[in-house]
Amino acid sequence: MSQTATSRLQLVSALFLAFAMAAVVGTALGFEHLGGFIPCKLCLEERVPYYAGVPAALLAAAGAALGWRGCMTRGMLAIVALLMTYGVILATYHAGAEWHWWAGPNDCGAAATSGITTDAGGLLGALDSVTPPSCDEAAGRFLGLSFAGWNVLASLTLAAVAWKAVLARD
């Protein structure tokens, strides 16, 4: 593959990754803030690779578009690939805990307070009414998969795209 073809593959891959990662984490935030799903500790941890990956993918896209040295663009894509690989591991652990294949973390409880008012009276009332989610109980399932299960598939796909762009031959 020529240098131009490699750069184009890396540019397209980086733009796709930035958009797709933003869409995945945006969907999670939508379910939280609009749908009222309170994330557990693992749900919040699963978002971190996306939060770090979007800017890294945008830097990789900028590098490819501006003709930076190939190692810089490839390095940023490698960071994205590693982040998404870590995301696969986190999501698999979470999904397995939900299916009771293994134990989840002992300290898992509500780490977020979506939809809770910030005035003192509302906050005190919310403390009595909000039940912290557990990492070993799926908030719901769609087509047989929980949010964590869908994140396994999303992270796996994004990791594969990123690794393909990293390993593209010059």
N, C-alpha and C. Protein backbone atom coordinates (compact mmCIF):
# COMPACT_ATOMS: atom_id res chain seq x y z
N MET A 1 0.85 -1.16 0.00
CA MET A 1 0.00 0.00 0.00
C MET A 1 0.90 1.23 0.00
N SER A 2 0.62 2.20 -0.81
CA SER A 2 1.45 3.38 -0.90
C SER A 2 1.25 4.28 0.32
N GLN A 3 2.18 5.22 0.48
CA GLN A 3 2.09 6.15 1.61
C GLN A 3 0.78 6.92 1.54
N THR A 4 0.37 7.34 0.36
CA THR A 4 -0.87 8.09 0.20
C THR A 4 -2.07 7.23 0.59
N ALA A 5 -2.09 5.99 0.14
CA ALA A 5 -3.20 5.10 0.47
C ALA A 5 -3.25 4.81 1.97
N THR A 6 -2.07 4.65 2.59
CA THR A 6 -2.01 4.42 4.03
C THR A 6 -2.53 5.65 4.77
N SER A 7 -2.09 6.83 4.37
CA SER A 7 -2.54 8.07 5.01
C SER A 7 -4.04 8.25 4.86
N ARG A 8 -4.56 7.91 3.68
CA ARG A 8 -6.00 8.03 3.46
C ARG A 8 -6.76 7.05 4.34
N LEU A 9 -6.28 5.80 4.43
CA LEU A 9 -6.91 4.82 5.31
C LEU A 9 -6.88 5.30 6.76
N GLN A 10 -5.76 5.86 7.17
CA GLN A 10 -5.65 6.35 8.54
C GLN A 10 -6.56 7.56 8.78
N LEU A 11 -6.67 8.45 7.81
CA LEU A 11 -7.55 9.60 7.94
C LEU A 11 -9.00 9.16 8.06
N VAL A 12 -9.43 8.31 7.15
CA VAL A 12 -10.82 7.83 7.17
C VAL A 12 -11.10 7.05 8.45
N SER A 13 -10.17 6.21 8.84
CA SER A 13 -10.34 5.42 10.06
C SER A 13 -10.41 6.31 11.29
N ALA A 14 -9.53 7.30 11.37
CA ALA A 14 -9.51 8.20 12.52
C ALA A 14 -10.81 9.01 12.61
N LEU A 15 -11.29 9.50 11.48
CA LEU A 15 -12.55 10.24 11.48
C LEU A 15 -13.72 9.34 11.87
N PHE A 16 -13.75 8.13 11.32
CA PHE A 16 -14.79 7.18 11.70
C PHE A 16 -14.74 6.88 13.19
N LEU A 17 -13.54 6.63 13.70
CA LEU A 17 -13.39 6.30 15.12
C LEU A 17 -13.85 7.44 16.01
N ALA A 18 -13.45 8.67 15.69
CA ALA A 18 -13.87 9.82 16.49
C ALA A 18 -15.39 9.95 16.50
N PHE A 19 -16.01 9.85 15.33
CA PHE A 19 -17.46 9.96 15.24
C PHE A 19 -18.15 8.81 15.97
N ALA A 20 -17.70 7.59 15.73
CA ALA A 20 -18.35 6.43 16.34
C ALA A 20 -18.19 6.40 17.85
N MET A 21 -16.99 6.75 18.35
CA MET A 21 -16.79 6.77 19.80
C MET A 21 -17.65 7.86 20.44
N ALA A 22 -17.74 9.02 19.80
CA ALA A 22 -18.60 10.09 20.32
C ALA A 22 -20.06 9.65 20.32
N ALA A 23 -20.47 8.93 19.29
CA ALA A 23 -21.86 8.45 19.22
C ALA A 23 -22.14 7.43 20.31
N VAL A 24 -21.20 6.52 20.56
CA VAL A 24 -21.42 5.50 21.60
C VAL A 24 -21.54 6.15 22.97
N VAL A 25 -20.58 7.00 23.32
CA VAL A 25 -20.63 7.62 24.65
C VAL A 25 -21.79 8.62 24.73
N GLY A 26 -22.12 9.25 23.62
CA GLY A 26 -23.29 10.14 23.59
C GLY A 26 -24.58 9.38 23.83
N THR A 27 -24.66 8.19 23.28
CA THR A 27 -25.85 7.35 23.52
C THR A 27 -25.94 6.97 24.99
N ALA A 28 -24.81 6.60 25.60
CA ALA A 28 -24.80 6.27 27.02
C ALA A 28 -25.24 7.47 27.86
N LEU A 29 -24.73 8.64 27.52
CA LEU A 29 -25.12 9.85 28.24
C LEU A 29 -26.60 10.16 28.04
N GLY A 30 -27.11 9.90 26.83
CA GLY A 30 -28.53 10.10 26.58
C GLY A 30 -29.39 9.18 27.42
N PHE A 31 -29.01 7.91 27.50
CA PHE A 31 -29.77 6.98 28.35
C PHE A 31 -29.73 7.44 29.81
N GLU A 32 -28.61 8.01 30.22
CA GLU A 32 -28.49 8.48 31.60
C GLU A 32 -29.33 9.73 31.83
N HIS A 33 -29.09 10.77 31.05
CA HIS A 33 -29.71 12.06 31.32
C HIS A 33 -31.12 12.22 30.77
N LEU A 34 -31.43 11.56 29.69
CA LEU A 34 -32.78 11.65 29.12
C LEU A 34 -33.64 10.45 29.50
N GLY A 35 -33.02 9.28 29.57
CA GLY A 35 -33.77 8.07 29.88
C GLY A 35 -33.88 7.75 31.35
N GLY A 36 -33.07 8.41 32.17
CA GLY A 36 -33.15 8.20 33.61
C GLY A 36 -32.43 6.97 34.12
N PHE A 37 -31.61 6.33 33.29
CA PHE A 37 -30.84 5.17 33.75
C PHE A 37 -29.64 5.67 34.55
N ILE A 38 -29.56 5.28 35.80
CA ILE A 38 -28.44 5.69 36.64
C ILE A 38 -27.30 4.69 36.42
N PRO A 39 -26.14 5.17 35.99
CA PRO A 39 -25.03 4.24 35.73
C PRO A 39 -24.39 3.74 37.03
N CYS A 40 -23.94 2.52 36.98
CA CYS A 40 -23.19 1.97 38.11
C CYS A 40 -21.72 2.37 37.94
N LYS A 41 -20.91 1.97 38.88
CA LYS A 41 -19.49 2.29 38.85
C LYS A 41 -18.83 1.78 37.57
N LEU A 42 -19.11 0.54 37.17
CA LEU A 42 -18.49 -0.01 35.97
C LEU A 42 -18.98 0.69 34.71
N CYS A 43 -20.24 1.09 34.68
CA CYS A 43 -20.76 1.84 33.53
C CYS A 43 -19.95 3.12 33.32
N LEU A 44 -19.68 3.82 34.41
CA LEU A 44 -18.90 5.05 34.32
C LEU A 44 -17.47 4.79 33.90
N GLU A 45 -16.89 3.71 34.41
CA GLU A 45 -15.51 3.37 34.04
C GLU A 45 -15.41 2.98 32.56
N GLU A 46 -16.47 2.37 32.03
CA GLU A 46 -16.46 1.97 30.62
C GLU A 46 -16.47 3.17 29.68
N ARG A 47 -16.85 4.33 30.17
CA ARG A 47 -16.88 5.52 29.33
C ARG A 47 -15.51 6.15 29.17
N VAL A 48 -14.61 5.91 30.12
CA VAL A 48 -13.30 6.57 30.11
C VAL A 48 -12.53 6.34 28.81
N PRO A 49 -12.47 5.11 28.28
CA PRO A 49 -11.75 4.94 27.01
C PRO A 49 -12.34 5.79 25.87
N TYR A 50 -13.63 6.01 25.90
CA TYR A 50 -14.26 6.85 24.88
C TYR A 50 -13.88 8.31 25.07
N TYR A 51 -13.94 8.78 26.33
CA TYR A 51 -13.59 10.17 26.61
C TYR A 51 -12.16 10.47 26.19
N ALA A 52 -11.25 9.55 26.41
CA ALA A 52 -9.85 9.74 26.01
C ALA A 52 -9.65 9.45 24.53
N GLY A 53 -10.42 8.53 23.99
CA GLY A 53 -10.23 8.10 22.61
C GLY A 53 -10.68 9.09 21.56
N VAL A 54 -11.74 9.84 21.83
CA VAL A 54 -12.23 10.81 20.83
C VAL A 54 -11.16 11.85 20.52
N PRO A 55 -10.56 12.52 21.52
CA PRO A 55 -9.51 13.49 21.17
C PRO A 55 -8.30 12.84 20.50
N ALA A 56 -7.95 11.63 20.92
CA ALA A 56 -6.82 10.94 20.29
C ALA A 56 -7.11 10.65 18.83
N ALA A 57 -8.33 10.23 18.53
CA ALA A 57 -8.71 9.96 17.14
C ALA A 57 -8.73 11.25 16.32
N LEU A 58 -9.18 12.34 16.93
CA LEU A 58 -9.18 13.62 16.22
C LEU A 58 -7.74 14.09 15.94
N LEU A 59 -6.84 13.87 16.87
CA LEU A 59 -5.43 14.19 16.63
C LEU A 59 -4.85 13.32 15.52
N ALA A 60 -5.22 12.05 15.51
CA ALA A 60 -4.77 11.17 14.43
C ALA A 60 -5.30 11.64 13.09
N ALA A 61 -6.56 12.06 13.06
CA ALA A 61 -7.14 12.57 11.81
C ALA A 61 -6.42 13.84 11.36
N ALA A 62 -6.14 14.73 12.31
CA ALA A 62 -5.42 15.95 11.98
C ALA A 62 -4.02 15.62 11.44
N GLY A 63 -3.37 14.66 12.08
CA GLY A 63 -2.04 14.25 11.62
C GLY A 63 -2.06 13.69 10.22
N ALA A 64 -3.02 12.85 9.94
CA ALA A 64 -3.13 12.27 8.60
C ALA A 64 -3.46 13.34 7.56
N ALA A 65 -4.36 14.26 7.92
CA ALA A 65 -4.77 15.30 6.98
C ALA A 65 -3.66 16.32 6.72
N LEU A 66 -2.87 16.60 7.74
CA LEU A 66 -1.83 17.63 7.62
C LEU A 66 -0.47 17.06 7.21
N GLY A 67 -0.42 15.76 6.98
CA GLY A 67 0.82 15.14 6.51
C GLY A 67 1.90 15.00 7.57
N TRP A 68 1.49 14.86 8.83
CA TRP A 68 2.48 14.62 9.88
C TRP A 68 3.21 13.33 9.59
N ARG A 69 4.32 13.15 10.26
CA ARG A 69 5.06 11.89 10.11
C ARG A 69 4.13 10.74 10.42
N GLY A 70 4.29 9.67 9.67
CA GLY A 70 3.42 8.51 9.82
C GLY A 70 3.43 7.92 11.22
N CYS A 71 4.58 7.99 11.89
CA CYS A 71 4.67 7.42 13.24
C CYS A 71 3.81 8.19 14.23
N MET A 72 3.61 9.47 14.01
CA MET A 72 2.77 10.26 14.92
C MET A 72 1.30 9.89 14.75
N THR A 73 0.86 9.82 13.51
CA THR A 73 -0.53 9.42 13.25
C THR A 73 -0.76 7.99 13.71
N ARG A 74 0.16 7.13 13.38
CA ARG A 74 0.06 5.72 13.79
C ARG A 74 0.07 5.60 15.32
N GLY A 75 0.87 6.42 15.97
CA GLY A 75 0.94 6.41 17.43
C GLY A 75 -0.38 6.81 18.07
N MET A 76 -1.01 7.84 17.53
CA MET A 76 -2.32 8.27 18.06
C MET A 76 -3.36 7.19 17.82
N LEU A 77 -3.32 6.56 16.66
CA LEU A 77 -4.26 5.46 16.38
C LEU A 77 -3.98 4.27 17.29
N ALA A 78 -2.71 4.04 17.63
CA ALA A 78 -2.38 2.95 18.56
C ALA A 78 -2.95 3.24 19.95
N ILE A 79 -2.93 4.51 20.35
CA ILE A 79 -3.54 4.87 21.63
C ILE A 79 -5.03 4.56 21.60
N VAL A 80 -5.70 4.93 20.50
CA VAL A 80 -7.12 4.62 20.36
C VAL A 80 -7.35 3.11 20.40
N ALA A 81 -6.52 2.37 19.69
CA ALA A 81 -6.66 0.91 19.65
C ALA A 81 -6.50 0.31 21.04
N LEU A 82 -5.51 0.78 21.79
CA LEU A 82 -5.30 0.28 23.16
C LEU A 82 -6.46 0.66 24.07
N LEU A 83 -6.96 1.88 23.93
CA LEU A 83 -8.10 2.31 24.74
C LEU A 83 -9.33 1.45 24.46
N MET A 84 -9.59 1.18 23.19
CA MET A 84 -10.76 0.38 22.85
C MET A 84 -10.57 -1.09 23.24
N THR A 85 -9.34 -1.57 23.20
CA THR A 85 -9.06 -2.93 23.67
C THR A 85 -9.32 -3.00 25.17
N TYR A 86 -8.89 -1.98 25.90
CA TYR A 86 -9.19 -1.90 27.33
C TYR A 86 -10.71 -1.83 27.54
N GLY A 87 -11.40 -1.09 26.68
CA GLY A 87 -12.86 -1.01 26.75
C GLY A 87 -13.52 -2.37 26.58
N VAL A 88 -12.98 -3.19 25.68
CA VAL A 88 -13.51 -4.55 25.50
C VAL A 88 -13.37 -5.34 26.80
N ILE A 89 -12.22 -5.21 27.45
CA ILE A 89 -11.97 -5.94 28.69
C ILE A 89 -12.94 -5.48 29.79
N LEU A 90 -13.07 -4.16 29.94
CA LEU A 90 -13.99 -3.63 30.96
C LEU A 90 -15.43 -4.08 30.70
N ALA A 91 -15.88 -3.94 29.47
CA ALA A 91 -17.26 -4.27 29.14
C ALA A 91 -17.52 -5.77 29.28
N THR A 92 -16.55 -6.59 28.92
CA THR A 92 -16.70 -8.04 29.07
C THR A 92 -16.80 -8.40 30.55
N TYR A 93 -15.95 -7.79 31.37
CA TYR A 93 -16.02 -8.03 32.82
C TYR A 93 -17.40 -7.64 33.35
N HIS A 94 -17.89 -6.48 32.94
CA HIS A 94 -19.19 -6.00 33.41
C HIS A 94 -20.33 -6.91 32.94
N ALA A 95 -20.32 -7.26 31.66
CA ALA A 95 -21.37 -8.14 31.13
C ALA A 95 -21.33 -9.51 31.82
N GLY A 96 -20.14 -10.02 32.05
CA GLY A 96 -20.01 -11.30 32.76
C GLY A 96 -20.54 -11.24 34.17
N ALA A 97 -20.30 -10.10 34.84
CA ALA A 97 -20.84 -9.93 36.20
C ALA A 97 -22.37 -9.88 36.16
N GLU A 98 -22.92 -9.24 35.13
CA GLU A 98 -24.38 -9.18 35.00
C GLU A 98 -24.99 -10.56 34.76
N TRP A 99 -24.30 -11.40 34.02
CA TRP A 99 -24.78 -12.77 33.77
C TRP A 99 -24.41 -13.72 34.91
N HIS A 100 -23.72 -13.18 35.92
CA HIS A 100 -23.30 -13.96 37.10
C HIS A 100 -22.32 -15.07 36.73
N TRP A 101 -21.50 -14.81 35.71
CA TRP A 101 -20.44 -15.75 35.35
C TRP A 101 -19.27 -15.60 36.31
N TRP A 102 -19.11 -14.41 36.88
CA TRP A 102 -18.10 -14.13 37.90
C TRP A 102 -18.62 -12.98 38.74
N ALA A 103 -17.96 -12.74 39.85
CA ALA A 103 -18.38 -11.67 40.76
C ALA A 103 -17.98 -10.31 40.22
N GLY A 104 -18.83 -9.34 40.45
CA GLY A 104 -18.50 -7.96 40.12
C GLY A 104 -17.72 -7.34 41.27
N PRO A 105 -17.39 -6.08 41.17
CA PRO A 105 -16.65 -5.43 42.25
C PRO A 105 -17.50 -5.30 43.51
N ASN A 106 -16.86 -5.43 44.66
CA ASN A 106 -17.58 -5.35 45.93
C ASN A 106 -18.07 -3.95 46.24
N ASP A 107 -17.41 -2.95 45.70
CA ASP A 107 -17.76 -1.57 46.02
C ASP A 107 -18.68 -0.92 44.99
N CYS A 108 -19.39 -1.71 44.23
CA CYS A 108 -20.22 -1.14 43.16
C CYS A 108 -21.54 -0.64 43.72
N GLY A 109 -21.79 0.61 43.51
CA GLY A 109 -23.05 1.25 43.90
C GLY A 109 -23.22 2.47 43.03
N ALA A 110 -24.17 3.27 43.33
CA ALA A 110 -24.44 4.46 42.51
C ALA A 110 -23.27 5.42 42.62
N ALA A 111 -22.72 5.73 41.48
CA ALA A 111 -21.65 6.72 41.44
C ALA A 111 -22.12 7.99 40.77
N ALA A 112 -23.36 7.99 40.31
CA ALA A 112 -23.92 9.16 39.66
C ALA A 112 -25.31 9.40 40.22
N THR A 113 -25.77 10.62 40.08
CA THR A 113 -27.09 10.96 40.59
C THR A 113 -27.88 11.65 39.50
N SER A 114 -28.06 11.01 38.38
CA SER A 114 -28.78 11.60 37.26
C SER A 114 -30.20 11.92 37.64
N GLY A 115 -30.65 13.06 37.21
CA GLY A 115 -32.03 13.43 37.41
C GLY A 115 -32.36 13.89 38.82
N ILE A 116 -31.39 13.97 39.69
CA ILE A 116 -31.66 14.40 41.05
C ILE A 116 -31.52 15.91 41.11
N THR A 117 -32.46 16.54 41.76
CA THR A 117 -32.44 17.99 41.89
C THR A 117 -31.31 18.40 42.84
N THR A 118 -30.87 19.64 42.71
CA THR A 118 -29.77 20.09 43.55
C THR A 118 -30.23 20.95 44.72
N ASP A 119 -31.52 21.24 44.84
CA ASP A 119 -31.95 21.99 46.02
C ASP A 119 -31.98 21.06 47.23
N ALA A 120 -31.80 21.62 48.40
CA ALA A 120 -31.61 20.81 49.62
C ALA A 120 -32.78 19.87 49.90
N GLY A 121 -34.00 20.37 49.79
CA GLY A 121 -35.16 19.52 50.07
C GLY A 121 -35.28 18.39 49.07
N GLY A 122 -35.09 18.69 47.79
CA GLY A 122 -35.17 17.67 46.75
C GLY A 122 -34.06 16.65 46.86
N LEU A 123 -32.88 17.12 47.23
CA LEU A 123 -31.74 16.24 47.37
C LEU A 123 -31.95 15.25 48.51
N LEU A 124 -32.43 15.73 49.64
CA LEU A 124 -32.69 14.83 50.77
C LEU A 124 -33.79 13.83 50.44
N GLY A 125 -34.81 14.27 49.73
CA GLY A 125 -35.87 13.36 49.32
C GLY A 125 -35.37 12.33 48.32
N ALA A 126 -34.49 12.77 47.44
CA ALA A 126 -33.95 11.85 46.43
C ALA A 126 -33.08 10.78 47.06
N LEU A 127 -32.37 11.13 48.13
CA LEU A 127 -31.54 10.14 48.79
C LEU A 127 -32.35 8.96 49.30
N ASP A 128 -33.59 9.22 49.69
CA ASP A 128 -34.47 8.16 50.16
C ASP A 128 -35.08 7.35 49.03
N SER A 129 -35.22 7.97 47.85
CA SER A 129 -35.94 7.30 46.76
C SER A 129 -35.05 6.66 45.71
N VAL A 130 -33.79 7.06 45.63
CA VAL A 130 -32.90 6.54 44.60
C VAL A 130 -32.22 5.28 45.12
N THR A 131 -32.36 4.19 44.38
CA THR A 131 -31.69 2.95 44.72
C THR A 131 -30.44 2.83 43.85
N PRO A 132 -29.30 2.71 44.49
CA PRO A 132 -28.08 2.61 43.68
C PRO A 132 -28.09 1.36 42.82
N PRO A 133 -27.69 1.48 41.57
CA PRO A 133 -27.63 0.29 40.73
C PRO A 133 -26.45 -0.60 41.13
N SER A 134 -26.61 -1.85 40.93
CA SER A 134 -25.55 -2.81 41.20
C SER A 134 -24.90 -3.20 39.89
N CYS A 135 -23.62 -3.43 39.93
CA CYS A 135 -22.89 -3.80 38.72
C CYS A 135 -23.25 -5.19 38.21
N ASP A 136 -23.87 -5.99 39.05
CA ASP A 136 -24.19 -7.36 38.62
C ASP A 136 -25.66 -7.52 38.22
N GLU A 137 -26.36 -6.41 38.02
CA GLU A 137 -27.74 -6.46 37.54
C GLU A 137 -27.88 -5.55 36.33
N ALA A 138 -28.28 -6.11 35.21
CA ALA A 138 -28.47 -5.32 33.99
C ALA A 138 -29.68 -4.42 34.16
N ALA A 139 -29.54 -3.16 33.76
CA ALA A 139 -30.65 -2.22 33.84
C ALA A 139 -31.76 -2.61 32.87
N GLY A 140 -31.41 -3.34 31.84
CA GLY A 140 -32.36 -3.81 30.84
C GLY A 140 -31.60 -4.55 29.76
N ARG A 141 -32.34 -5.25 28.93
CA ARG A 141 -31.72 -5.99 27.83
C ARG A 141 -32.47 -5.68 26.55
N PHE A 142 -31.72 -5.51 25.48
CA PHE A 142 -32.28 -5.29 24.16
C PHE A 142 -31.68 -6.33 23.24
N LEU A 143 -32.52 -7.13 22.61
CA LEU A 143 -32.07 -8.25 21.78
C LEU A 143 -31.14 -9.18 22.56
N GLY A 144 -31.41 -9.34 23.82
CA GLY A 144 -30.67 -10.26 24.67
C GLY A 144 -29.41 -9.72 25.29
N LEU A 145 -29.02 -8.50 24.95
CA LEU A 145 -27.78 -7.93 25.49
C LEU A 145 -28.08 -6.71 26.37
N SER A 146 -27.30 -6.57 27.43
CA SER A 146 -27.39 -5.40 28.29
C SER A 146 -26.58 -4.27 27.66
N PHE A 147 -26.59 -3.11 28.33
CA PHE A 147 -25.75 -2.01 27.85
C PHE A 147 -24.29 -2.44 27.81
N ALA A 148 -23.84 -3.16 28.83
CA ALA A 148 -22.46 -3.64 28.85
C ALA A 148 -22.20 -4.61 27.70
N GLY A 149 -23.16 -5.48 27.42
CA GLY A 149 -23.01 -6.42 26.31
C GLY A 149 -22.89 -5.70 24.97
N TRP A 150 -23.71 -4.68 24.77
CA TRP A 150 -23.61 -3.90 23.54
C TRP A 150 -22.28 -3.16 23.48
N ASN A 151 -21.80 -2.73 24.65
CA ASN A 151 -20.50 -2.05 24.67
C ASN A 151 -19.37 -2.99 24.31
N VAL A 152 -19.49 -4.27 24.66
CA VAL A 152 -18.47 -5.24 24.22
C VAL A 152 -18.38 -5.22 22.70
N LEU A 153 -19.53 -5.31 22.04
CA LEU A 153 -19.54 -5.33 20.57
C LEU A 153 -19.03 -4.02 19.97
N ALA A 154 -19.46 -2.89 20.56
CA ALA A 154 -19.01 -1.59 20.04
C ALA A 154 -17.50 -1.44 20.23
N SER A 155 -17.01 -1.74 21.42
CA SER A 155 -15.57 -1.60 21.69
C SER A 155 -14.74 -2.54 20.83
N LEU A 156 -15.23 -3.75 20.63
CA LEU A 156 -14.53 -4.73 19.81
C LEU A 156 -14.43 -4.25 18.36
N THR A 157 -15.52 -3.73 17.84
CA THR A 157 -15.53 -3.21 16.47
C THR A 157 -14.58 -2.02 16.33
N LEU A 158 -14.65 -1.10 17.29
CA LEU A 158 -13.79 0.08 17.23
C LEU A 158 -12.32 -0.29 17.40
N ALA A 159 -12.04 -1.25 18.27
CA ALA A 159 -10.66 -1.71 18.44
C ALA A 159 -10.14 -2.33 17.14
N ALA A 160 -10.97 -3.12 16.47
CA ALA A 160 -10.56 -3.76 15.22
C ALA A 160 -10.26 -2.72 14.14
N VAL A 161 -11.10 -1.70 14.04
CA VAL A 161 -10.86 -0.63 13.06
C VAL A 161 -9.56 0.09 13.37
N ALA A 162 -9.36 0.41 14.65
CA ALA A 162 -8.15 1.13 15.04
C ALA A 162 -6.90 0.28 14.80
N TRP A 163 -6.94 -0.99 15.17
CA TRP A 163 -5.77 -1.85 14.96
C TRP A 163 -5.48 -2.01 13.46
N LYS A 164 -6.51 -2.10 12.64
CA LYS A 164 -6.29 -2.22 11.19
C LYS A 164 -5.57 -0.97 10.66
N ALA A 165 -5.98 0.19 11.15
CA ALA A 165 -5.33 1.43 10.70
C ALA A 165 -3.89 1.52 11.21
N VAL A 166 -3.65 1.05 12.42
CA VAL A 166 -2.30 1.07 12.98
C VAL A 166 -1.38 0.15 12.19
N LEU A 167 -1.89 -1.01 11.83
CA LEU A 167 -1.06 -2.05 11.20
C LEU A 167 -1.01 -1.94 9.67
N ALA A 168 -1.67 -0.93 9.10
CA ALA A 168 -1.65 -0.75 7.65
C ALA A 168 -0.21 -0.56 7.19
N ARG A 169 0.13 -1.23 6.14
CA ARG A 169 1.52 -1.19 5.62
C ARG A 169 1.74 0.04 4.78
N ASP A 170 2.93 0.61 4.91
CA ASP A 170 3.30 1.77 4.08
C ASP A 170 3.66 1.33 2.69
